Amino acid sequence: MAKSLKVAFQEIAERYEFEIDTMEVNEDHVHLFLSAPPRYSPAHVVQILKSISARMMFKEFPKIKKQLWGGELWNDGYFVRSVGIKVTPRSCRRYIVRYLRNNSNN
């Protein structure tokens, strides 16, 4: 499922002109470092990614909907951080890769 989710995010990114720099899928969450056109607010980017990916995953894996609490793939929460002087693109990439390496159960 992780591979399918990565493909889904790539397809969504292409369709909406998002640029995924770094992406890691863990068994209970996803880390994405991406850029999006300024016409999309961060909340709208998350809404697009979550809603479309959920539909794609339920279509490909219909049995998972029954296994999930409330039939929802995604939790309501998310964290967004912009990059700049103190938090650089390089530090974001390193965090995502290190987090996966230290917490991967895949």
Protein backbone atom coordinates (compact mmCIF):
# COMPACT_ATOMS: atom_id res chain seq x y z
CA MET A 1 0.00 0.00 0.00
CA ALA A 2 2.88 2.40 0.71
CA LYS A 3 4.04 2.17 -2.90
CA SER A 4 0.52 2.84 -4.17
CA LEU A 5 0.18 5.82 -1.87
CA LYS A 6 3.47 7.27 -3.15
CA VAL A 7 2.25 6.84 -6.72
CA ALA A 8 -1.05 8.50 -5.81
CA PHE A 9 0.73 11.50 -4.29
CA GLN A 10 2.96 11.80 -7.37
CA GLU A 11 -0.07 11.76 -9.67
CA ILE A 12 -1.87 14.37 -7.57
CA ALA A 13 1.25 16.53 -7.47
CA GLU A 14 1.55 16.47 -11.25
CA ARG A 15 -2.11 17.33 -11.71
CA TYR A 16 -2.00 20.29 -9.31
CA GLU A 17 1.54 21.51 -10.11
CA PHE A 18 2.92 20.57 -6.69
CA GLU A 19 6.59 19.70 -6.58
CA ILE A 20 7.40 16.86 -4.19
CA ASP A 21 10.99 17.21 -3.02
CA THR A 22 11.04 14.45 -0.41
CA MET A 23 8.38 11.90 0.56
CA GLU A 24 8.34 9.04 3.02
CA VAL A 25 5.38 6.87 3.91
CA ASN A 26 5.38 5.20 7.30
CA GLU A 27 2.73 2.73 8.47
CA ASP A 28 0.78 5.40 10.37
CA HIS A 29 1.72 8.71 8.76
CA VAL A 30 3.35 10.45 5.81
CA HIS A 31 6.10 13.05 5.59
CA LEU A 32 6.04 15.29 2.52
CA PHE A 33 8.38 18.14 1.73
CA LEU A 34 6.81 19.92 -1.21
CA SER A 35 6.22 23.23 -2.86
CA ALA A 36 2.94 24.38 -4.33
CA PRO A 37 1.83 27.33 -6.43
CA PRO A 38 0.86 30.35 -4.31
CA ARG A 39 -2.77 30.07 -5.42
CA TYR A 40 -3.11 27.16 -2.95
CA SER A 41 -3.09 27.74 0.78
CA PRO A 42 -1.31 25.10 2.87
CA ALA A 43 -4.69 23.90 4.16
CA HIS A 44 -5.98 23.53 0.60
CA VAL A 45 -2.87 21.55 -0.42
CA VAL A 46 -3.47 19.14 2.47
CA GLN A 47 -7.17 18.86 1.62
CA ILE A 48 -6.36 18.04 -2.00
CA LEU A 49 -3.74 15.44 -1.09
CA LYS A 50 -5.85 13.73 1.56
CA SER A 51 -9.18 13.66 -0.25
CA ILE A 52 -7.93 12.51 -3.63
CA SER A 53 -5.45 9.98 -2.23
CA ALA A 54 -8.15 8.48 0.00
CA ARG A 55 -10.45 7.97 -2.99
CA MET A 56 -7.61 6.43 -4.98
CA MET A 57 -6.60 4.08 -2.17
CA PHE A 58 -10.19 2.97 -1.45
CA LYS A 59 -10.66 2.25 -5.15
CA GLU A 60 -7.48 0.16 -5.32
CA PHE A 61 -7.90 -1.48 -1.88
CA PRO A 62 -11.65 -1.57 -1.12
CA LYS A 63 -11.26 -3.81 1.93
CA ILE A 64 -9.30 -1.21 3.90
CA LYS A 65 -12.34 1.03 4.31
CA LYS A 66 -13.99 -1.64 6.47
CA GLN A 67 -10.84 -2.05 8.56
CA LEU A 68 -10.51 1.63 9.37
CA TRP A 69 -12.20 3.33 12.29
CA GLY A 70 -15.08 5.32 10.81
CA GLY A 71 -14.06 4.33 7.29
CA GLU A 72 -11.66 7.27 6.94
CA LEU A 73 -8.12 6.91 5.67
CA TRP A 74 -6.77 10.17 7.09
CA ASN A 75 -6.88 11.79 10.49
CA ASP A 76 -7.98 15.43 10.59
CA GLY A 77 -4.59 16.68 11.76
CA TYR A 78 -1.52 17.79 9.86
CA PHE A 79 1.61 19.87 10.40
CA VAL A 80 2.86 22.50 7.97
CA ARG A 81 6.14 24.37 8.22
CA SER A 82 7.71 26.77 5.77
CA VAL A 83 11.42 26.78 5.09
CA GLY A 84 13.66 29.77 5.55
CA ILE A 85 16.86 30.78 7.31
CA LYS A 86 16.54 28.64 10.43
CA VAL A 87 14.71 25.69 8.88
CA THR A 88 16.38 25.05 5.55
CA PRO A 89 15.34 22.73 2.73
CA ARG A 90 18.38 20.59 3.55
CA SER A 91 17.37 20.25 7.21
CA CYS A 92 13.82 19.24 6.18
CA ARG A 93 15.15 16.55 3.85
CA ARG A 94 17.54 15.24 6.51
CA TYR A 95 14.75 15.12 9.11
CA ILE A 96 12.44 13.13 6.84
CA VAL A 97 15.11 10.62 5.84
CA ARG A 98 16.39 10.21 9.42
CA TYR A 99 12.89 9.87 10.81
CA LEU A 100 12.12 7.10 8.35
CA ARG A 101 15.40 5.34 9.04
CA ASN A 102 14.82 5.44 12.81
CA ASN A 103 11.11 4.62 12.81
CA SER A 104 10.49 2.44 9.77
CA ASN A 105 8.56 -0.76 10.23
CA ASN A 106 8.08 -1.33 6.47
